[in-house]
C-alpha atoms as a PDB file:
ATOM      1  CA  MET A   1     -13.284 -49.830 -31.933  1.00  0.00           C
ATOM      2  CA  ARG A   2      -9.741 -49.535 -30.632  1.00  0.00           C
ATOM      3  CA  LEU A   3      -9.146 -48.368 -26.988  1.00  0.00           C
ATOM      4  CA  THR A   4      -6.454 -45.804 -26.481  1.00  0.00           C
ATOM      5  CA  SER A   5      -4.373 -45.613 -23.333  1.00  0.00           C
ATOM      6  CA  LYS A   6      -6.520 -42.746 -22.178  1.00  0.00           C
ATOM      7  CA  ASP A   7      -9.738 -44.939 -22.549  1.00  0.00           C
ATOM      8  CA  ALA A   8      -7.941 -47.897 -20.708  1.00  0.00           C
ATOM      9  CA  GLY A   9      -6.939 -45.550 -17.927  1.00  0.00           C
ATOM     10  CA  ALA A  10     -10.477 -44.383 -17.595  1.00  0.00           C
ATOM     11  CA  ARG A  11     -11.655 -47.944 -17.461  1.00  0.00           C
ATOM     12  CA  ASP A  12      -9.173 -48.775 -14.699  1.00  0.00           C
ATOM     13  CA  ILE A  13     -10.468 -45.746 -12.686  1.00  0.00           C
ATOM     14  CA  CYS A  14     -14.040 -47.016 -13.007  1.00  0.00           C
ATOM     15  CA  VAL A  15     -13.054 -50.410 -11.833  1.00  0.00           C
ATOM     16  CA  ALA A  16     -11.097 -49.067  -8.990  1.00  0.00           C
ATOM     17  CA  GLU A  17     -14.028 -46.940  -7.788  1.00  0.00           C
ATOM     18  CA  GLU A  18     -16.465 -49.853  -8.183  1.00  0.00           C
ATOM     19  CA  ALA A  19     -14.322 -52.313  -6.354  1.00  0.00           C
ATOM     20  CA  LEU A  20     -12.788 -50.094  -3.626  1.00  0.00           C
ATOM     21  CA  GLY A  21     -16.158 -48.155  -2.956  1.00  0.00           C
ATOM     22  CA  SER A  22     -17.176 -50.750  -0.446  1.00  0.00           C
ATOM     23  CA  LEU A  23     -15.804 -51.620   3.000  1.00  0.00           C
ATOM     24  CA  GLY A  24     -17.059 -55.229   2.387  1.00  0.00           C
ATOM     25  CA  ARG A  25     -15.131 -55.603  -0.840  1.00  0.00           C
ATOM     26  CA  LEU A  26     -12.010 -54.149   0.615  1.00  0.00           C
ATOM     27  CA  LYS A  27     -12.149 -56.710   3.500  1.00  0.00           C
ATOM     28  CA  ILE A  28     -12.559 -59.472   1.035  1.00  0.00           C
ATOM     29  CA  LEU A  29      -9.728 -58.190  -1.093  1.00  0.00           C
ATOM     30  CA  ARG A  30      -7.585 -57.788   2.076  1.00  0.00           C
ATOM     31  CA  VAL A  31      -8.126 -61.377   3.086  1.00  0.00           C
ATOM     32  CA  LEU A  32      -7.471 -62.780  -0.362  1.00  0.00           C
ATOM     33  CA  ALA A  33      -4.369 -60.585  -0.680  1.00  0.00           C
ATOM     34  CA  ALA A  34      -2.846 -61.782   2.609  1.00  0.00           C
ATOM     35  CA  SER A  35      -0.315 -64.589   2.425  1.00  0.00           C
ATOM     36  CA  GLY A  36      -1.236 -67.784   3.969  1.00  0.00           C
ATOM     37  CA  PHE A  37      -4.089 -69.249   2.125  1.00  0.00           C
ATOM     38  CA  PRO A  38      -4.040 -69.040  -1.650  1.00  0.00           C
ATOM     39  CA  SER A  39      -7.852 -69.440  -1.986  1.00  0.00           C
ATOM     40  CA  TYR A  40     -10.929 -69.284   0.195  1.00  0.00           C
ATOM     41  CA  THR A  41     -14.434 -70.713   0.177  1.00  0.00           C
ATOM     42  CA  ARG A  42     -17.427 -68.253   0.693  1.00  0.00           C
ATOM     43  CA  TYR A  43     -17.671 -69.700   4.232  1.00  0.00           C
ATOM     44  CA  GLY A  44     -13.938 -69.100   4.842  1.00  0.00           C
ATOM     45  CA  LEU A  45     -14.374 -65.531   3.721  1.00  0.00           C
ATOM     46  CA  GLU A  46     -17.390 -65.088   5.951  1.00  0.00           C
ATOM     47  CA  LYS A  47     -15.240 -66.162   8.966  1.00  0.00           C
ATOM     48  CA  ALA A  48     -12.281 -64.189   8.048  1.00  0.00           C
ATOM     49  CA  THR A  49     -14.110 -60.953   7.418  1.00  0.00           C
ATOM     50  CA  GLY A  50     -16.933 -61.083   9.763  1.00  0.00           C
ATOM     51  CA  LEU A  51     -19.321 -60.318   6.926  1.00  0.00           C
ATOM     52  CA  LYS A  52     -22.715 -61.961   6.701  1.00  0.00           C
ATOM     53  CA  PRO A  53     -23.232 -64.685   4.056  1.00  0.00           C
ATOM     54  CA  MET A  54     -25.438 -62.582   1.763  1.00  0.00           C
ATOM     55  CA  ALA A  55     -22.971 -59.731   1.837  1.00  0.00           C
ATOM     56  CA  VAL A  56     -20.069 -62.018   0.926  1.00  0.00           C
ATOM     57  CA  ARG A  57     -22.029 -63.350  -1.992  1.00  0.00           C
ATOM     58  CA  LYS A  58     -23.009 -59.925  -3.157  1.00  0.00           C
ATOM     59  CA  HIS A  59     -19.312 -58.502  -2.948  1.00  0.00           C
ATOM     60  CA  LEU A  60     -17.793 -61.621  -4.514  1.00  0.00           C
ATOM     61  CA  LYS A  61     -20.230 -61.369  -7.461  1.00  0.00           C
ATOM     62  CA  VAL A  62     -18.992 -57.774  -8.132  1.00  0.00           C
ATOM     63  CA  LEU A  63     -15.362 -58.598  -7.591  1.00  0.00           C
ATOM     64  CA  VAL A  64     -15.518 -61.634  -9.949  1.00  0.00           C
ATOM     65  CA  GLU A  65     -17.370 -59.469 -12.628  1.00  0.00           C
ATOM     66  CA  LEU A  66     -14.677 -56.821 -12.400  1.00  0.00           C
ATOM     67  CA  GLY A  67     -12.026 -59.475 -12.801  1.00  0.00           C
ATOM     68  CA  LEU A  68     -10.283 -58.639  -9.444  1.00  0.00           C
ATOM     69  CA  VAL A  69     -11.191 -62.147  -8.069  1.00  0.00           C
ATOM     70  CA  LYS A  70     -11.150 -65.479  -9.821  1.00  0.00           C
ATOM     71  CA  GLU A  71     -13.830 -68.076  -9.053  1.00  0.00           C
ATOM     72  CA  LEU A  72     -12.542 -71.592  -9.304  1.00  0.00           C
ATOM     73  CA  SER A  73     -15.163 -74.208 -10.108  1.00  0.00           C
ATOM     74  CA  LEU A  74     -14.109 -76.748  -7.511  1.00  0.00           C
ATOM     75  CA  THR A  75     -16.186 -78.440  -4.917  1.00  0.00           C
ATOM     76  CA  PRO A  76     -16.825 -76.324  -2.934  1.00  0.00           C
ATOM     77  CA  VAL A  77     -16.191 -73.203  -5.128  1.00  0.00           C
ATOM     78  CA  VAL A  78     -13.165 -71.247  -4.046  1.00  0.00           C
ATOM     79  CA  TYR A  79     -11.957 -67.678  -4.708  1.00  0.00           C
ATOM     80  CA  GLN A  80      -8.531 -66.235  -5.376  1.00  0.00           C
ATOM     81  CA  ILE A  81      -7.225 -62.800  -5.983  1.00  0.00           C
ATOM     82  CA  ASN A  82      -6.459 -62.138  -9.628  1.00  0.00           C
ATOM     83  CA  CYS A  83      -2.836 -60.886  -9.598  1.00  0.00           C
ATOM     84  CA  GLN A  84      -2.627 -61.516 -13.358  1.00  0.00           C
ATOM     85  CA  LYS A  85      -4.266 -58.114 -13.777  1.00  0.00           C
ATOM     86  CA  ALA A  86      -1.804 -55.326 -13.344  1.00  0.00           C
ATOM     87  CA  PHE A  87      -4.164 -53.162 -11.285  1.00  0.00           C
ATOM     88  CA  VAL A  88      -4.864 -56.077  -8.840  1.00  0.00           C
ATOM     89  CA  ALA A  89      -1.119 -56.765  -8.524  1.00  0.00           C
ATOM     90  CA  SER A  90      -0.505 -53.049  -7.696  1.00  0.00           C
ATOM     91  CA  LEU A  91      -3.329 -53.124  -5.161  1.00  0.00           C
ATOM     92  CA  VAL A  92      -1.907 -56.105  -3.396  1.00  0.00           C
ATOM     93  CA  GLU A  93       1.482 -54.543  -3.353  1.00  0.00           C
ATOM     94  CA  PHE A  94      -0.084 -51.302  -1.879  1.00  0.00           C
ATOM     95  CA  PHE A  95      -1.848 -53.446   0.739  1.00  0.00           C
ATOM     96  CA  ARG A  96       1.445 -55.118   1.729  1.00  0.00           C
ATOM     97  CA  LYS A  97       3.516 -51.963   1.822  1.00  0.00           C
ATOM     98  CA  THR A  98       0.898 -50.185   4.070  1.00  0.00           C
ATOM     99  CA  GLY A  99       0.479 -53.208   6.264  1.00  0.00           C
ATOM    100  CA  TYR A 100      -3.271 -53.450   5.261  1.00  0.00           C
ATOM    101  CA  ALA A 101      -2.787 -57.102   4.107  1.00  0.00           C
ATOM    102  CA  LEU A 102      -1.418 -59.337   6.784  1.00  0.00           C
END
């Protein structure tokens, strides 16, 4: 089945609603979008966001599944914002223009 631009647009809306419908996920995206560190461990994200370890794990799982965040299999595992996706790049640009990302 071939997706039309309307279908792709609807999928982007669903991804946006799922990813941005949580303050915890927004905090993680904000930290990952900020300049300074290109990647963070879960522990680094816990410290940077003030979220509890279980919450960080839960939100990262969703963000990775949606493709907004990349999980790099290093030791320890690190996470990066996935600016290769147009939606994510636009979101990061929005964060920067509005001052949401540091």
